Protein backbone atom coordinates (compact mmCIF):
# COMPACT_ATOMS: atom_id res chain seq x y z
CA UNK A 1 -0.10 -0.15 -0.02
CA UNK A 2 1.28 3.32 -1.05
CA UNK A 3 0.43 5.75 1.96
CA UNK A 4 3.40 6.67 3.85
CA UNK A 5 3.19 10.40 2.64
CA UNK A 6 -0.66 11.40 3.18
CA UNK A 7 0.04 9.37 6.91
CA UNK A 8 2.82 11.60 7.60
CA UNK A 9 0.95 15.11 6.23
CA UNK A 10 -1.64 13.96 8.39
CA UNK A 11 0.31 13.54 11.60
CA UNK A 12 2.13 16.79 10.81
CA UNK A 13 -0.88 18.71 10.60
CA UNK A 14 -2.31 17.34 14.27
CA UNK A 15 0.80 17.79 15.53
CA UNK A 16 1.56 21.25 14.82
CA UNK A 17 -2.43 21.99 14.45
CA UNK A 18 -2.51 23.78 11.16
CA UNK A 19 -2.59 22.81 7.19
CA UNK A 20 0.54 21.85 5.75
CA UNK A 21 1.56 24.38 3.10
CA UNK A 22 3.89 21.50 0.73
CA UNK A 23 3.61 18.56 -0.55
CA UNK A 24 5.55 15.33 0.98
CA UNK A 25 6.77 12.68 -1.44
CA UNK A 26 7.57 9.04 0.15
CA UNK A 27 10.17 6.86 -0.76
CA UNK A 28 6.83 4.42 -1.64
CA UNK A 29 6.47 6.80 -4.37
CA UNK A 30 2.97 8.25 -2.38
CA UNK A 31 2.35 11.90 -2.58
CA UNK A 32 -0.07 14.21 -0.76
CA UNK A 33 -0.32 18.14 -0.11
CA UNK A 34 -0.97 21.05 -2.14
CA UNK A 35 -0.86 20.55 -5.97
CA UNK A 36 2.11 22.70 -7.42
CA UNK A 37 3.91 23.75 -3.94
CA UNK A 38 7.65 22.82 -3.24
CA UNK A 39 7.36 19.03 -1.80
CA UNK A 40 9.46 17.66 1.05
CA UNK A 41 10.85 14.47 -0.73
CA UNK A 42 11.57 11.62 2.44
CA UNK A 43 13.98 8.98 0.08
CA UNK A 44 13.92 6.13 2.81
CA UNK A 45 12.48 4.92 6.44
CA UNK A 46 16.12 6.42 7.80
CA UNK A 47 14.23 9.97 8.13
CA UNK A 48 11.54 8.92 9.83
CA UNK A 49 13.73 7.44 12.06
CA UNK A 50 15.90 11.07 12.65
CA UNK A 51 12.93 12.30 13.42
CA UNK A 52 11.48 9.90 15.47
CA UNK A 53 14.65 9.80 17.63
CA UNK A 54 15.39 13.80 17.33
CA UNK A 55 11.98 15.25 16.93
CA UNK A 56 12.20 18.90 15.46
CA UNK A 57 15.03 20.74 13.82
CA UNK A 58 18.05 18.74 14.91
CA UNK A 59 16.44 16.05 13.07
CA UNK A 60 15.37 17.11 10.22
CA UNK A 61 19.07 18.81 10.07
CA UNK A 62 20.63 14.95 10.39
CA UNK A 63 18.06 13.74 7.66
CA UNK A 64 18.85 16.73 5.25
CA UNK A 65 22.72 16.59 5.78
CA UNK A 66 22.63 12.52 5.51
CA UNK A 67 20.94 13.17 2.30
CA UNK A 68 17.73 10.91 3.61
CA UNK A 69 15.50 14.22 2.97
CA UNK A 70 15.31 16.59 -0.01
CA UNK A 71 13.43 19.20 -1.71
CA UNK A 72 11.93 18.91 -5.27
CA UNK A 73 11.12 22.49 -6.44
CA UNK A 74 12.16 26.22 -5.53
CA UNK A 75 14.13 25.78 -2.03
CA UNK A 76 13.44 29.41 -1.15
CA UNK A 77 9.92 28.70 -1.49
CA UNK A 78 9.96 25.68 0.27
CA UNK A 79 11.42 27.14 3.19
CA UNK A 80 9.57 30.08 3.07
CA UNK A 81 6.67 28.12 3.43
CA UNK A 82 7.83 26.26 5.36
CA UNK A 83 9.29 28.48 7.69
CA UNK A 84 6.22 30.58 8.30
CA UNK A 85 4.55 27.35 9.09
CA UNK A 86 6.64 27.28 12.08
CA UNK A 87 7.44 30.85 13.21
CA UNK A 88 4.47 32.99 12.33
CA UNK A 89 2.62 30.61 15.28
CA UNK A 90 4.41 32.35 17.23
CA UNK A 91 5.19 31.57 20.77
CA UNK A 92 2.01 30.12 22.14
CA UNK A 93 1.60 27.58 19.74
CA UNK A 94 0.73 24.10 20.48
CA UNK A 95 3.89 22.14 22.04
CA UNK A 96 4.81 18.69 21.17
CA UNK A 97 3.94 17.89 24.74
CA UNK A 98 0.04 19.20 24.67
CA UNK A 99 -0.55 18.00 20.97
CA UNK A 100 0.45 14.29 22.39
CA UNK A 101 -2.37 14.67 24.89
CA UNK A 102 -4.60 13.50 21.52
CA UNK A 103 -5.12 10.34 21.13
CA UNK A 104 -5.49 10.26 17.89
CA UNK A 105 -2.37 11.90 17.60
CA UNK A 106 -0.82 9.04 20.15
CA UNK A 107 -2.24 6.84 17.86
CA UNK A 108 -0.71 7.97 14.63
CA UNK A 109 2.61 8.47 16.21
CA UNK A 110 2.33 5.07 17.23
CA UNK A 111 2.10 4.88 13.53
CA UNK A 112 4.69 6.43 11.93
CA UNK A 113 6.91 4.11 14.72
CA UNK A 114 6.05 1.12 13.10
CA UNK A 115 5.91 2.97 9.32
CA UNK A 116 9.84 3.52 10.38
CA UNK A 117 11.07 0.23 10.55
CA UNK A 118 14.10 -0.84 13.00
CA UNK A 119 13.94 1.29 16.00
CA UNK A 120 18.21 1.83 16.70
CA UNK A 121 18.50 5.26 16.21
CA UNK A 122 20.68 6.52 12.59
CA UNK A 123 24.45 7.29 13.50
CA UNK A 124 24.44 10.97 13.36
CA UNK A 125 25.85 12.62 9.99
CA UNK A 126 30.01 12.89 10.42
CA UNK A 127 29.44 16.84 9.49
CA UNK A 128 28.00 17.00 12.82
CA UNK A 129 29.68 19.04 15.86
CA UNK A 130 29.80 17.43 19.14
CA UNK A 131 28.62 20.32 20.81
CA UNK A 132 29.87 21.11 24.89
CA UNK A 133 29.21 24.71 25.12
CA UNK A 134 32.37 25.41 27.13
CA UNK A 135 30.83 29.15 27.94
CA UNK A 136 33.73 30.48 25.51
CA UNK A 137 37.32 29.80 26.96
CA UNK A 138 39.80 30.61 24.50
CA UNK A 139 40.42 26.53 23.70
CA UNK A 140 36.22 25.96 22.68
CA UNK A 141 36.31 28.91 20.48
CA UNK A 142 39.51 28.10 18.83
CA UNK A 143 38.12 24.77 18.25
CA UNK A 144 34.76 26.50 17.05
CA UNK A 145 36.12 28.48 14.56
CA UNK A 146 37.92 25.69 13.31
CA UNK A 147 35.12 24.12 12.34
CA UNK A 148 33.35 26.58 10.35
CA UNK A 149 36.27 28.35 9.00
CA UNK A 150 38.86 25.49 7.99
CA UNK A 151 36.48 24.00 5.72
CA UNK A 152 39.29 24.79 3.05
CA UNK A 153 39.84 28.04 0.92
CA UNK A 154 38.77 26.78 -2.00
CA UNK A 155 35.56 26.13 -0.90
CA UNK A 156 34.87 29.17 0.26
CA UNK A 157 36.53 30.89 -2.81
CA UNK A 158 33.95 28.97 -4.26
CA UNK A 159 31.25 30.33 -2.20
CA UNK A 160 32.16 33.81 -1.62
CA UNK A 161 33.93 34.28 -5.17
CA UNK A 162 36.38 37.41 -5.78
CA UNK A 163 35.72 39.32 -2.71
CA UNK A 164 36.33 36.34 0.13
CA UNK A 165 34.65 39.11 2.47
CA UNK A 166 32.27 36.55 4.93
CA UNK A 167 29.61 39.26 5.91
CA UNK A 168 26.50 41.39 4.45
CA UNK A 169 27.51 43.80 1.31
CA UNK A 170 26.19 46.46 1.22
CA UNK A 171 24.01 47.00 -2.53
CA UNK A 172 22.56 49.00 -4.81
CA UNK A 173 20.30 48.30 -7.54
CA UNK A 174 21.83 46.52 -10.29
CA UNK A 175 25.19 45.80 -8.56
CA UNK A 176 27.79 42.89 -8.23
CA UNK A 177 28.41 40.65 -4.94
CA UNK A 178 32.16 41.77 -5.89
CA UNK A 179 31.26 45.79 -6.13
CA UNK A 180 28.98 45.60 -3.14
CA UNK A 181 30.95 43.93 -0.71
CA UNK A 182 33.55 46.98 -1.95
CA UNK A 183 31.18 49.37 -0.70
CA UNK A 184 30.74 47.66 2.05
CA UNK A 185 34.24 48.02 3.12
CA UNK A 186 34.43 51.53 2.15
CA UNK A 187 31.69 52.34 4.38
CA UNK A 188 32.99 50.67 7.54
CA UNK A 189 35.97 53.09 6.53
CA UNK A 190 34.25 56.06 6.15
CA UNK A 191 32.50 55.33 9.71
CA UNK A 192 35.74 54.46 11.41
CA UNK A 193 37.09 58.09 9.45
CA UNK A 194 40.54 56.25 8.69
CA UNK A 195 43.11 58.91 7.91
CA UNK A 196 46.62 57.94 6.52
CA UNK A 197 49.13 57.12 9.41
CA UNK A 198 46.23 55.65 11.73
CA UNK A 199 46.27 51.94 13.20
CA UNK A 200 43.38 49.59 13.09
CA UNK A 201 42.71 46.54 14.77
CA UNK A 202 40.82 44.26 12.46
CA UNK A 203 38.93 41.42 14.57
CA UNK A 204 38.00 38.67 13.33
CA UNK A 205 40.06 39.40 9.92
CA UNK A 206 38.94 36.56 7.70
CA UNK A 207 40.70 36.11 4.43
CA UNK A 208 41.97 39.91 5.12
CA UNK A 209 40.06 41.99 2.83
CA UNK A 210 39.18 44.92 5.45
CA UNK A 211 42.54 45.04 6.02
CA UNK A 212 43.85 45.19 2.45
CA UNK A 213 41.14 47.73 2.01
CA UNK A 214 42.07 49.90 4.53
CA UNK A 215 45.62 49.61 3.92
CA UNK A 216 45.52 49.77 0.05
CA UNK A 217 42.44 52.74 0.21
CA UNK A 218 42.94 54.64 3.73
CA UNK A 219 46.86 54.59 4.21
CA UNK A 220 46.72 52.88 7.75
CA UNK A 221 48.41 50.45 9.43
CA UNK A 222 46.04 46.93 10.26
CA UNK A 223 46.94 44.53 12.46
CA UNK A 224 43.71 41.72 11.86
CA UNK A 225 43.65 38.71 14.10
CA UNK A 226 41.93 35.63 13.35
CA UNK A 227 41.92 31.88 15.22
CA UNK A 228 41.72 29.96 11.82
CA UNK A 229 45.17 28.89 10.39
CA UNK A 230 43.66 28.38 6.86
CA UNK A 231 42.52 32.12 6.98
CA UNK A 232 45.24 33.85 8.11
CA UNK A 233 48.50 31.99 5.29
CA UNK A 234 45.20 32.87 2.91
CA UNK A 235 45.19 36.57 4.13
CA UNK A 236 49.55 36.57 4.40
CA UNK A 237 49.50 35.84 0.98
CA UNK A 238 47.17 38.17 -0.22
CA UNK A 239 48.43 40.90 1.71
CA UNK A 240 52.25 40.04 0.36
CA UNK A 241 50.64 39.74 -3.23
CA UNK A 242 49.26 43.33 -2.97
CA UNK A 243 52.56 44.62 -1.32
CA UNK A 244 51.19 45.35 1.79
CA UNK A 245 53.51 43.54 4.14
CA UNK A 246 55.17 46.73 5.74
CA UNK A 247 51.29 47.96 6.51
CA UNK A 248 49.52 44.77 7.15
CA UNK A 249 50.37 42.54 9.90
CA UNK A 250 47.73 39.13 10.20
CA UNK A 251 47.86 36.91 13.09
CA UNK A 252 46.39 34.17 14.36
CA UNK A 253 45.31 35.00 17.95
CA UNK A 254 43.12 35.71 19.99
CA UNK A 255 41.33 38.94 20.42
CA UNK A 256 42.00 39.13 24.43
CA UNK A 257 45.41 38.25 23.97
CA UNK A 258 46.77 41.44 21.58
CA UNK A 259 47.72 44.00 23.75
CA UNK A 260 49.87 46.44 21.53
CA UNK A 261 47.68 49.27 22.04
CA UNK A 262 46.23 51.85 21.72
CA UNK A 263 44.76 51.53 17.77
CA UNK A 264 42.48 54.78 16.17
CA UNK A 265 40.10 52.54 15.18
CA UNK A 266 38.60 48.73 15.38
CA UNK A 267 36.61 46.98 13.19
CA UNK A 268 34.96 43.57 14.28
CA UNK A 269 33.10 42.23 10.90
CA UNK A 270 30.46 39.39 11.86
CA UNK A 271 32.76 38.51 14.94
CA UNK A 272 31.37 39.30 17.93
CA UNK A 273 28.43 36.62 16.96
CA UNK A 274 31.32 34.31 17.93
CA UNK A 275 31.78 35.74 21.34
CA UNK A 276 28.38 34.19 23.41
CA UNK A 277 26.50 36.77 25.91
CA UNK A 278 29.03 35.24 29.15
CA UNK A 279 31.75 37.02 27.35
CA UNK A 280 30.06 39.78 25.60
CA UNK A 281 31.35 42.47 28.66
CA UNK A 282 34.56 41.02 28.49
CA UNK A 283 34.39 41.36 24.73
CA UNK A 284 33.48 44.76 25.13
CA UNK A 285 35.80 46.36 27.23
CA UNK A 286 38.72 44.11 25.32
CA UNK A 287 38.13 46.54 23.04
CA UNK A 288 37.37 49.74 24.77
CA UNK A 289 40.53 49.45 26.37
CA UNK A 290 42.45 48.79 22.75
CA UNK A 291 41.11 51.93 21.68
CA UNK A 292 42.91 55.39 22.47
CA UNK A 293 40.84 58.09 23.64
CA UNK A 294 38.70 59.56 20.60
CA UNK A 295 38.83 55.77 18.86
CA UNK A 296 36.07 54.38 17.02
CA UNK A 297 34.80 50.62 17.16
CA UNK A 298 32.67 49.74 14.26
CA UNK A 299 31.18 46.40 15.42
CA UNK A 300 29.34 44.98 12.25
CA UNK A 301 26.71 41.64 13.86
CA UNK A 302 23.82 39.68 13.11
CA UNK A 303 20.90 40.19 15.81
CA UNK A 304 17.75 38.94 16.81
CA UNK A 305 14.27 40.10 17.80
CA UNK A 306 14.11 40.32 21.95
CA UNK A 307 11.44 37.50 23.31
CA UNK A 308 9.16 38.02 26.42
CA UNK A 309 11.58 35.72 28.55
CA UNK A 310 14.99 36.24 27.59
CA UNK A 311 16.30 33.00 29.55
CA UNK A 312 13.83 31.17 26.97
CA UNK A 313 16.27 32.12 24.24
CA UNK A 314 18.24 28.42 23.29
CA UNK A 315 20.70 28.95 20.19
CA UNK A 316 19.44 27.18 17.33
CA UNK A 317 20.00 23.80 17.63
CA UNK A 318 20.95 22.87 13.21
CA UNK A 319 23.61 26.12 13.29
CA UNK A 320 24.88 24.85 16.47
CA UNK A 321 25.52 21.09 15.57
CA UNK A 322 26.45 21.90 11.87
CA UNK A 323 27.42 25.67 10.79
CA UNK A 324 28.50 27.98 14.04
CA UNK A 325 29.48 25.58 16.94
CA UNK A 326 28.34 28.16 20.43
CA UNK A 327 27.62 30.97 18.43
CA UNK A 328 24.88 33.33 20.22
CA UNK A 329 22.75 36.08 18.52
CA UNK A 330 21.06 38.87 20.88
CA UNK A 331 19.00 41.65 19.98
CA UNK A 332 20.63 44.84 18.65
CA UNK A 333 19.02 46.86 22.23
CA UNK A 334 21.20 44.35 23.91
CA UNK A 335 24.84 44.93 22.20
CA UNK A 336 24.17 48.54 22.44
CA UNK A 337 23.89 48.17 26.21
CA UNK A 338 26.80 46.01 26.31
CA UNK A 339 28.75 48.26 24.74
CA UNK A 340 27.97 51.14 26.62
CA UNK A 341 28.62 49.67 30.03
CA UNK A 342 31.93 49.01 28.77
CA UNK A 343 32.81 52.33 28.42
CA UNK A 344 31.31 53.05 25.07
CA UNK A 345 29.13 56.34 23.61
CA UNK A 346 26.95 54.96 20.61
CA UNK A 347 26.96 57.52 18.12
CA UNK A 348 25.17 55.64 14.95
CA UNK A 349 22.54 52.40 14.75
CA UNK A 350 21.88 51.09 10.79
CA UNK A 351 20.49 48.13 10.19
CA UNK A 352 21.26 46.59 6.72
CA UNK A 353 18.92 43.13 6.82
CA UNK A 354 17.91 43.46 3.10
CA UNK A 355 21.35 43.71 2.20
CA UNK A 356 22.38 40.22 3.71
CA UNK A 357 19.42 38.33 2.00
CA UNK A 358 20.70 39.44 -1.22
CA UNK A 359 24.29 38.61 -0.19
CA UNK A 360 23.21 34.67 0.97
CA UNK A 361 21.31 34.42 -2.32
CA UNK A 362 24.41 35.03 -4.62
CA UNK A 363 26.08 33.32 -2.17
CA UNK A 364 23.59 29.80 -2.45
CA UNK A 365 23.85 30.56 -6.76
CA UNK A 366 27.64 30.48 -6.31
CA UNK A 367 27.35 27.07 -4.45
CA UNK A 368 24.76 25.43 -7.08
CA UNK A 369 26.87 26.68 -9.89
CA UNK A 370 29.55 25.05 -9.04
CA UNK A 371 28.50 22.30 -6.74
CA UNK A 372 30.50 19.11 -7.93
CA UNK A 373 33.42 20.86 -7.18
CA UNK A 374 32.48 22.23 -4.02
CA UNK A 375 31.44 18.61 -2.97
CA UNK A 376 34.97 17.25 -4.37
CA UNK A 377 36.53 19.74 -2.05
CA UNK A 378 34.50 18.93 1.20
CA UNK A 379 32.05 16.14 1.14
CA UNK A 380 28.15 15.86 -0.28
CA UNK A 381 26.66 16.37 3.19
CA UNK A 382 28.91 19.56 3.90
CA UNK A 383 27.51 20.87 0.83
CA UNK A 384 24.33 20.33 1.75
CA UNK A 385 24.69 21.90 5.28
CA UNK A 386 26.02 25.13 3.49
CA UNK A 387 23.02 25.08 0.91
CA UNK A 388 20.31 24.69 3.58
CA UNK A 389 22.18 27.17 6.11
CA UNK A 390 22.42 30.03 3.50
CA UNK A 391 19.37 29.50 2.01
CA UNK A 392 17.63 29.38 5.09
CA UNK A 393 19.07 32.58 6.61
CA UNK A 394 18.17 34.85 3.14
CA UNK A 395 14.52 33.40 4.11
CA UNK A 396 15.28 34.13 7.64
CA UNK A 397 16.43 38.17 6.76
CA UNK A 398 13.54 38.37 4.22
CA UNK A 399 11.10 37.57 6.68
CA UNK A 400 12.89 39.51 9.60
CA UNK A 401 13.44 36.55 12.01
CA UNK A 402 17.11 38.00 12.08
CA UNK A 403 18.81 41.14 11.31
CA UNK A 404 22.02 42.60 10.82
CA UNK A 405 23.37 45.90 12.44
CA UNK A 406 26.12 48.39 12.26
CA UNK A 407 26.83 49.96 15.43
CA UNK A 408 29.20 53.46 15.39
CA UNK A 409 30.73 53.46 19.06
CA UNK A 410 33.69 56.31 20.36
CA UNK A 411 35.75 56.04 23.68
CA UNK A 412 34.80 59.43 24.22
CA UNK A 413 37.60 61.65 26.01
CA UNK A 414 36.42 62.07 28.89
CA UNK A 415 38.24 65.17 30.20
CA UNK A 416 36.77 66.68 26.95
CA UNK A 417 33.55 64.65 25.84
CA UNK A 418 34.67 65.83 22.61
CA UNK A 419 33.48 62.69 20.03
CA UNK A 420 35.45 64.54 17.38
CA UNK A 421 32.35 63.12 15.49
CA UNK A 422 30.81 66.06 12.47
CA UNK A 423 27.26 67.95 13.24
CA UNK A 424 25.96 65.74 10.46
CA UNK A 425 28.03 62.60 10.45
CA UNK A 426 25.95 60.54 7.53
CA UNK A 427 27.74 61.62 5.08
CA UNK A 428 29.39 57.77 4.84
CA UNK A 429 26.43 56.45 3.35
CA UNK A 430 27.12 58.13 -0.25
CA UNK A 431 29.42 55.63 -0.79
CA UNK A 432 30.75 55.34 -5.00
């Protein structure tokens, strides 16, 4: 009997309490759901066992990464429909425990267990990180960064393109990814008011793009720090190729170990998400002490909306297990408060949320265009991780589930209180 898909659809709708907006196509050839909608393809019974042993996001992620679950049709449309199905129900939605009090739901689950086959749990995909949650010690941070950034420079060249910038670009109509990333670097340089002869610390310098731009276009001396050996080696070669070794130093170093301040300016671009709530005030304090009085900090960071009960916030299971181990997102208000507690004067906050959705869609297109090579460089599972993570993140930015903000802060001199800011500061947005 070919009835797996209708039974799955019925169970999901019973558990969630809403109609399923996508189709389900099962391994037995059965199909159920709205005609013309994208289909979740359940390729084998092992996908069910993964969901039974880990109900929710982590079970779905394991099935996707292992290739047990796929999507037929437009991936963004599928993710948009599924995410809306979950997100639009809000924090007051019926939970699994409440659903299982329904006798019909319990009976459906028993049928699903029988359908799934042998009860032993499938082994998690090898791409999954064994999570330890070490409260962001130097050792655990280095291990987490290595997991994410030491995938291989050749792989990142495919995804990021020639700019090798792994953060939100700054777009204009009809622009290219490379041009938008250049404009983002220039936007940051203008906000920091970089001038020849100054010293810039680039925290989490990646493959050296900000350091090279600041030195080449603005004549500053730059120290870039990263915990990734592969990033550092790549960045040093780029610096040498640009003839900037006298102006740019790339270190494999924890930002907490930087002791050669003061710096005139600090850029932290897409790094603070790795710091963690327990360490954020320490992070802000370290950067404050490394700046000279009057120096500027540009903190470019992904954020999330606040919850009514912040103690209920938990790290995204898929992201934590496969993408950014121990990464955390905070509301922009929390970030600003922590920076101010450390002594900074916050002078400007700019949301560029829509820009990140555009950036991620370009990265996904780059990955899909060279899929076979990406798989060869990493693994089929790793490539699937990146495709899902970037596409789902694009949808999350578009739906305002997450955002990204640039916060400009100053170590205002205590004696004079003079910020050095012009009365009308936002001339930096006129990037050409």
